[in-house]
Amino acid sequence: MDTGWFARATWQEPDFDPVALERAKRGRTVSVVLPALDEEETVGDVVASVRPLLGSLVDELVVVDSGSTDATIEVAARAGARVVRREDVLPGLAPLPGKGEVLWRSLAATSGDLVVYLDSDLVDPDPGFVPALLGPLLLTEGVHLVKGFYRRPLRLESAEEGTGGGRVTELLARPVLSALRPALSAVVQPLGGEYAATREFLESVPFAAGYGVEIGLLLDAEARYGMAGLAQVNLGVRKHRNRSLQQLGVMARQILGTALARCGVDAGGPGELTQFVPEAGAWVPRVTDVLVADRPPMREARSADARRAGVSGF
């Protein structure tokens, strides 16, 4: 592990003053984006945690909906966010399924020079998340991606364990990064959904359409800027719903496919995963098609969209 980078680029107790950060913007604008899919129980609280910063440190607060069938859109709008449906962004392009697709489209729906991503399933979201993530971007020259890290309790049906969340990180992402990009071993939460980046970076790289989006952005940032372009901040505790092992297996397959592709490794084989589940005393295979696909850099997509529309420039 690069202990020098860890010491220089890690904020263990980020206590950035929002007023001081607002002054440090120096004309730059900030967009906060919440991707959402059926998060009616939590999205309102996440929006409310950011809403007091709107008009000062934050210039726009947008929930990008990924096809919710519950009241996510209504709850988010009542809480004070601008809500955008993924189908309404780049409408000439049919959407792919997945979180990364929504994050990619959010770039066309927002305008901030800096973009903060927060997951919509946060429980008890901390109002300090956004200032903490923006601090290194606004105050440190050359930083393009700031990752949040945290303790992740494992929320069980009737109890909460102090640790144990982040299972895909510990069992897959960290070993893969250690083997293929060892410098990134110093990143505490490579898959975390709370992070901030410059639009300059985000619009210049592809986005994995599914759950590989976070590791893809991390690998691309390190390849483009080196470790000097990265920073990380301690966000304390992050509570969210935990997924079953079957769901995590599909997620891990997408993440592995993206990581291998970014590192020039041919994964081979179809984009599918075979899992085994017990039924009536027997174990039977369950095959899931797993999408491992990239959207092109948004700059290229905008240019292509303009050409299709017969428009020169933007």
Protein backbone atom coordinates (compact mmCIF):
# COMPACT_ATOMS: atom_id res chain seq x y z
CA MET A 1 0.00 0.00 0.00
CA ASP A 2 1.14 3.54 -0.76
CA THR A 3 1.32 4.81 2.82
CA GLY A 4 2.55 8.20 1.63
CA TRP A 5 -0.56 8.78 -0.48
CA PHE A 6 -2.77 7.50 2.32
CA ALA A 7 -1.32 10.02 4.76
CA ARG A 8 -1.52 12.94 2.30
CA ALA A 9 -4.87 12.27 0.67
CA THR A 10 -6.99 10.84 3.50
CA TRP A 11 -9.14 13.04 5.72
CA GLN A 12 -9.97 10.96 8.79
CA GLU A 13 -11.91 13.78 10.47
CA PRO A 14 -13.16 16.08 7.72
CA ASP A 15 -14.60 19.19 9.33
CA PHE A 16 -14.85 21.50 6.35
CA ASP A 17 -16.88 24.65 6.98
CA PRO A 18 -19.63 24.96 4.33
CA VAL A 19 -19.30 28.76 4.36
CA ALA A 20 -15.55 28.56 3.74
CA LEU A 21 -16.12 25.99 1.01
CA GLU A 22 -18.66 28.27 -0.65
CA ARG A 23 -16.02 31.01 -0.82
CA ALA A 24 -13.54 28.48 -2.23
CA LYS A 25 -15.86 27.73 -5.16
CA ARG A 26 -14.59 30.86 -6.94
CA GLY A 27 -17.22 30.72 -9.63
CA ARG A 28 -17.43 26.96 -9.85
CA THR A 29 -20.84 25.33 -9.51
CA VAL A 30 -21.89 22.16 -7.69
CA SER A 31 -24.52 19.57 -8.62
CA VAL A 32 -25.67 16.92 -6.15
CA VAL A 33 -27.15 13.85 -7.84
CA LEU A 34 -29.14 11.05 -6.22
CA PRO A 35 -29.80 7.99 -8.41
CA ALA A 36 -33.01 6.33 -7.30
CA LEU A 37 -34.99 3.16 -7.94
CA ASP A 38 -37.92 2.39 -5.62
CA GLU A 39 -36.49 4.32 -2.66
CA GLU A 40 -39.66 5.97 -1.35
CA GLU A 41 -38.78 5.12 2.26
CA THR A 42 -35.38 6.84 2.27
CA VAL A 43 -35.00 9.29 -0.63
CA GLY A 44 -36.88 12.09 1.14
CA ASP A 45 -34.50 12.08 4.09
CA VAL A 46 -31.46 12.06 1.80
CA VAL A 47 -32.83 15.05 -0.13
CA ALA A 48 -33.65 16.82 3.15
CA SER A 49 -30.07 16.34 4.37
CA VAL A 50 -28.77 18.28 1.35
CA ARG A 51 -31.58 20.81 0.93
CA PRO A 52 -30.21 23.40 3.45
CA LEU A 53 -27.07 23.76 1.29
CA LEU A 54 -29.04 24.54 -1.87
CA GLY A 55 -28.42 28.08 -3.05
CA SER A 56 -25.08 28.37 -1.27
CA LEU A 57 -22.58 25.52 -1.43
CA VAL A 58 -24.88 23.46 -3.70
CA ASP A 59 -26.27 24.95 -6.92
CA GLU A 60 -28.60 22.14 -7.96
CA LEU A 61 -30.04 19.06 -6.30
CA VAL A 62 -31.34 16.42 -8.70
CA VAL A 63 -32.88 12.99 -8.22
CA VAL A 64 -32.55 10.88 -11.35
CA ASP A 65 -35.16 8.16 -11.32
CA SER A 66 -34.40 4.77 -12.86
CA GLY A 67 -37.96 3.60 -13.44
CA SER A 68 -39.41 3.49 -9.94
CA THR A 69 -42.81 1.87 -9.49
CA ASP A 70 -43.41 3.26 -6.00
CA ALA A 71 -43.74 6.88 -4.80
CA THR A 72 -40.03 7.72 -5.09
CA ILE A 73 -40.61 10.55 -7.58
CA GLU A 74 -43.36 12.20 -5.52
CA VAL A 75 -41.44 11.89 -2.23
CA ALA A 76 -38.25 13.33 -3.74
CA ALA A 77 -40.10 16.27 -5.30
CA ARG A 78 -41.92 17.06 -2.04
CA ALA A 79 -38.61 17.02 -0.20
CA GLY A 80 -37.24 19.73 -2.51
CA ALA A 81 -35.30 17.99 -5.28
CA ARG A 82 -35.68 18.44 -8.99
CA VAL A 83 -36.65 15.02 -10.30
CA VAL A 84 -35.61 13.78 -13.73
CA ARG A 85 -36.69 10.50 -15.28
CA ARG A 86 -33.90 8.65 -17.06
CA GLU A 87 -36.06 8.34 -20.21
CA ASP A 88 -36.26 12.14 -20.45
CA VAL A 89 -32.48 12.52 -20.64
CA LEU A 90 -31.03 11.87 -24.10
CA PRO A 91 -34.52 10.69 -25.15
CA GLY A 92 -33.34 9.38 -28.50
CA LEU A 93 -31.26 6.73 -26.75
CA ALA A 94 -33.03 3.75 -25.17
CA PRO A 95 -31.87 3.28 -21.57
CA LEU A 96 -29.86 0.31 -20.39
CA PRO A 97 -30.66 -1.20 -17.00
CA GLY A 98 -28.42 -0.37 -14.10
CA LYS A 99 -27.14 2.26 -11.71
CA GLY A 100 -24.27 3.38 -13.93
CA GLU A 101 -26.69 4.21 -16.73
CA VAL A 102 -28.52 6.67 -14.48
CA LEU A 103 -25.30 8.27 -13.23
CA TRP A 104 -24.11 8.67 -16.82
CA ARG A 105 -27.36 10.27 -17.94
CA SER A 106 -27.23 12.61 -14.94
CA LEU A 107 -24.31 14.40 -16.59
CA ALA A 108 -26.64 15.47 -19.40
CA ALA A 109 -29.29 16.58 -16.88
CA THR A 110 -27.02 18.74 -14.72
CA SER A 111 -24.49 21.50 -15.25
CA GLY A 112 -22.25 21.71 -12.18
CA ASP A 113 -18.49 21.93 -12.58
CA LEU A 114 -18.32 19.54 -9.62
CA VAL A 115 -20.71 16.62 -9.18
CA VAL A 116 -21.51 14.87 -5.89
CA TYR A 117 -23.18 11.46 -6.01
CA LEU A 118 -25.13 10.15 -3.01
CA ASP A 119 -27.07 6.89 -2.90
CA SER A 120 -30.80 7.26 -2.24
CA ASP A 121 -31.06 4.31 0.14
CA LEU A 122 -29.10 5.94 2.95
CA VAL A 123 -30.61 5.57 6.41
CA ASP A 124 -30.07 8.52 8.77
CA PRO A 125 -28.05 10.48 6.17
CA ASP A 126 -25.54 12.93 7.59
CA PRO A 127 -25.80 16.57 6.40
CA GLY A 128 -22.00 16.66 6.53
CA PHE A 129 -21.56 14.20 3.66
CA VAL A 130 -21.64 16.80 0.87
CA PRO A 131 -19.21 19.31 2.47
CA ALA A 132 -16.83 16.47 3.34
CA LEU A 133 -16.78 15.16 -0.23
CA LEU A 134 -16.37 18.62 -1.74
CA GLY A 135 -13.58 19.74 0.59
CA PRO A 136 -10.61 18.13 -1.20
CA LEU A 137 -11.98 19.08 -4.64
CA LEU A 138 -12.33 22.75 -3.71
CA LEU A 139 -9.20 23.12 -1.59
CA THR A 140 -6.60 20.80 -3.13
CA GLU A 141 -5.10 21.43 -6.55
CA GLY A 142 -5.21 18.53 -8.99
CA VAL A 143 -7.80 16.36 -7.24
CA HIS A 144 -10.47 15.02 -9.60
CA LEU A 145 -12.16 12.22 -7.63
CA VAL A 146 -12.97 12.07 -3.91
CA LYS A 147 -14.23 8.80 -2.46
CA GLY A 148 -16.16 8.58 0.78
CA PHE A 149 -15.42 5.76 3.21
CA TYR A 150 -17.26 4.67 6.31
CA ARG A 151 -18.13 1.91 8.69
CA ARG A 152 -20.97 -0.13 7.21
CA PRO A 153 -23.13 -2.00 9.73
CA LEU A 154 -24.74 -5.17 8.45
CA ARG A 155 -28.48 -4.62 8.83
CA LEU A 156 -30.19 -7.94 9.48
CA GLU A 157 -33.93 -8.60 9.67
CA SER A 158 -34.24 -7.75 13.36
CA ALA A 159 -30.80 -6.56 14.43
CA GLU A 160 -27.81 -4.57 13.34
CA GLU A 161 -24.25 -5.86 13.53
CA GLY A 162 -21.50 -3.31 14.05
CA THR A 163 -19.56 -4.44 10.99
CA GLY A 164 -19.97 -6.84 8.10
CA GLY A 165 -21.39 -4.60 5.38
CA GLY A 166 -19.36 -4.06 2.23
CA ARG A 167 -18.99 -7.76 1.57
CA VAL A 168 -18.35 -7.37 -2.17
CA THR A 169 -15.60 -4.87 -1.38
CA GLU A 170 -13.74 -7.20 0.93
CA LEU A 171 -14.29 -10.45 -0.97
CA LEU A 172 -13.89 -9.17 -4.54
CA ALA A 173 -12.92 -5.55 -5.17
CA ARG A 174 -10.04 -5.26 -2.75
CA PRO A 175 -8.34 -8.51 -3.85
CA VAL A 176 -8.80 -7.62 -7.54
CA LEU A 177 -7.32 -4.13 -7.08
CA SER A 178 -4.46 -5.53 -5.02
CA ALA A 179 -3.60 -7.91 -7.86
CA LEU A 180 -4.14 -5.62 -10.86
CA ARG A 181 -3.71 -2.02 -9.61
CA PRO A 182 -1.87 -2.30 -6.28
CA ALA A 183 -1.63 1.48 -5.80
CA LEU A 184 -5.41 1.49 -5.29
CA SER A 185 -5.05 -0.81 -2.28
CA ALA A 186 -4.89 2.40 -0.25
CA VAL A 187 -8.51 3.26 -1.11
CA VAL A 188 -10.74 2.30 1.80
CA GLN A 189 -14.08 2.05 -0.03
CA PRO A 190 -13.50 1.50 -3.76
CA LEU A 191 -17.17 0.62 -4.37
CA GLY A 192 -18.82 3.24 -2.16
CA GLY A 193 -21.71 5.18 -3.70
CA GLU A 194 -20.84 8.48 -2.01
CA TYR A 195 -18.22 10.35 -4.00
CA ALA A 196 -17.54 13.61 -5.82
CA ALA A 197 -15.65 14.42 -8.99
CA THR A 198 -14.92 17.14 -11.49
CA ARG A 199 -17.12 17.27 -14.55
CA GLU A 200 -13.93 17.52 -16.57
CA PHE A 201 -13.08 13.99 -15.47
CA LEU A 202 -16.58 12.50 -15.49
CA GLU A 203 -17.38 13.59 -19.04
CA SER A 204 -14.07 12.29 -20.39
CA VAL A 205 -14.39 8.61 -19.42
CA PRO A 206 -16.84 5.78 -20.14
CA PHE A 207 -19.42 4.72 -17.54
CA ALA A 208 -20.18 1.08 -16.85
CA ALA A 209 -23.96 0.77 -17.16
CA GLY A 210 -24.42 -1.41 -14.08
CA TYR A 211 -22.81 -1.87 -10.68
CA GLY A 212 -19.33 -1.72 -12.18
CA VAL A 213 -19.61 2.07 -12.45
CA GLU A 214 -17.75 2.91 -9.22
CA ILE A 215 -14.78 0.64 -9.76
CA GLY A 216 -14.62 1.72 -13.41
CA LEU A 217 -14.43 5.41 -12.46
CA LEU A 218 -11.82 4.69 -9.81
CA LEU A 219 -9.62 2.75 -12.22
CA ASP A 220 -10.01 5.40 -14.93
CA ALA A 221 -9.15 8.23 -12.52
CA GLU A 222 -5.98 6.49 -11.38
CA ALA A 223 -4.99 5.70 -14.97
CA ARG A 224 -5.59 9.29 -16.07
CA TYR A 225 -4.26 11.31 -13.14
CA GLY A 226 -2.29 8.88 -10.99
CA MET A 227 -2.91 8.69 -7.27
CA ALA A 228 -2.34 12.45 -7.03
CA GLY A 229 -5.76 12.92 -8.63
CA LEU A 230 -7.54 10.96 -5.88
CA ALA A 231 -8.53 11.72 -2.30
CA GLN A 232 -10.77 10.09 0.31
CA VAL A 233 -12.74 11.28 3.31
CA ASN A 234 -14.15 9.53 6.34
CA LEU A 235 -17.95 9.85 6.39
CA GLY A 236 -18.36 8.01 9.68
CA VAL A 237 -21.21 5.50 9.43
CA ARG A 238 -23.23 4.62 6.36
CA LYS A 239 -26.42 2.65 6.88
CA HIS A 240 -28.41 1.24 4.00
CA ARG A 241 -30.30 -1.87 3.09
CA ASN A 242 -28.18 -4.95 2.66
CA ARG A 243 -28.73 -7.37 -0.20
CA SER A 244 -28.88 -11.15 -0.24
CA LEU A 245 -25.87 -13.22 -1.26
CA GLN A 246 -27.63 -14.12 -4.52
CA GLN A 247 -28.04 -10.42 -5.35
CA LEU A 248 -24.47 -9.69 -4.34
CA GLY A 249 -23.24 -12.45 -6.64
CA VAL A 250 -24.79 -10.77 -9.67
CA MET A 251 -23.42 -7.42 -8.53
CA ALA A 252 -19.95 -8.92 -8.12
CA ARG A 253 -20.05 -10.38 -11.64
CA GLN A 254 -20.71 -6.93 -13.11
CA ILE A 255 -17.98 -5.35 -11.00
CA LEU A 256 -15.45 -8.02 -11.94
CA GLY A 257 -16.25 -7.68 -15.64
CA THR A 258 -15.70 -3.91 -15.53
CA ALA A 259 -12.50 -4.18 -13.48
CA LEU A 260 -10.96 -6.76 -15.79
CA ALA A 261 -11.88 -4.77 -18.89
CA ARG A 262 -10.36 -1.56 -17.46
CA CYS A 263 -7.16 -3.46 -16.69
CA GLY A 264 -6.92 -4.97 -20.18
CA VAL A 265 -7.81 -8.51 -19.12
CA ASP A 266 -10.03 -10.55 -21.43
CA ALA A 267 -12.71 -12.02 -19.16
CA GLY A 268 -14.00 -14.32 -21.90
CA GLY A 269 -17.33 -16.10 -21.93
CA PRO A 270 -20.86 -14.68 -22.03
CA GLY A 271 -22.12 -12.06 -19.63
CA GLU A 272 -23.99 -14.46 -17.39
CA LEU A 273 -23.72 -15.98 -13.95
CA THR A 274 -24.83 -19.43 -12.85
CA GLN A 275 -25.89 -19.73 -9.21
CA PHE A 276 -27.40 -22.68 -7.37
CA VAL A 277 -30.46 -22.50 -5.15
CA PRO A 278 -32.20 -25.21 -3.09
CA GLU A 279 -35.66 -26.24 -4.24
CA ALA A 280 -37.60 -29.15 -2.73
CA GLY A 281 -34.45 -30.66 -1.28
CA ALA A 282 -32.43 -30.41 -4.51
CA TRP A 283 -29.95 -27.84 -5.76
CA VAL A 284 -30.89 -26.38 -9.11
CA PRO A 285 -29.02 -23.93 -11.34
CA ARG A 286 -30.26 -20.40 -11.83
CA VAL A 287 -28.67 -18.53 -14.73
CA THR A 288 -28.76 -14.73 -14.75
CA ASP A 289 -27.80 -12.63 -17.75
CA VAL A 290 -25.37 -10.03 -16.48
CA LEU A 291 -24.94 -6.84 -18.46
CA VAL A 292 -21.30 -5.79 -18.65
CA ALA A 293 -21.39 -2.78 -20.96
CA ASP A 294 -20.05 0.75 -21.12
CA ARG A 295 -21.59 4.00 -22.16
CA PRO A 296 -19.14 6.22 -24.07
CA PRO A 297 -17.71 9.38 -22.51
CA MET A 298 -20.47 11.96 -22.24
CA ARG A 299 -18.52 14.41 -24.38
CA GLU A 300 -18.62 11.93 -27.24
CA ALA A 301 -22.29 11.15 -26.63
CA ARG A 302 -23.21 14.84 -26.71
CA SER A 303 -21.34 15.30 -29.98
CA ALA A 304 -23.04 12.28 -31.52
CA ASP A 305 -26.43 13.50 -30.30
CA ALA A 306 -25.81 16.90 -31.85
CA ARG A 307 -24.78 15.35 -35.15
CA ARG A 308 -27.97 13.27 -35.21
CA ALA A 309 -29.99 16.41 -34.56
CA GLY A 310 -28.09 18.37 -37.22
CA VAL A 311 -26.84 20.88 -34.67
CA SER A 312 -23.32 22.29 -34.70
CA GLY A 313 -21.95 22.85 -31.24
CA PHE A 314 -23.75 23.06 -27.89
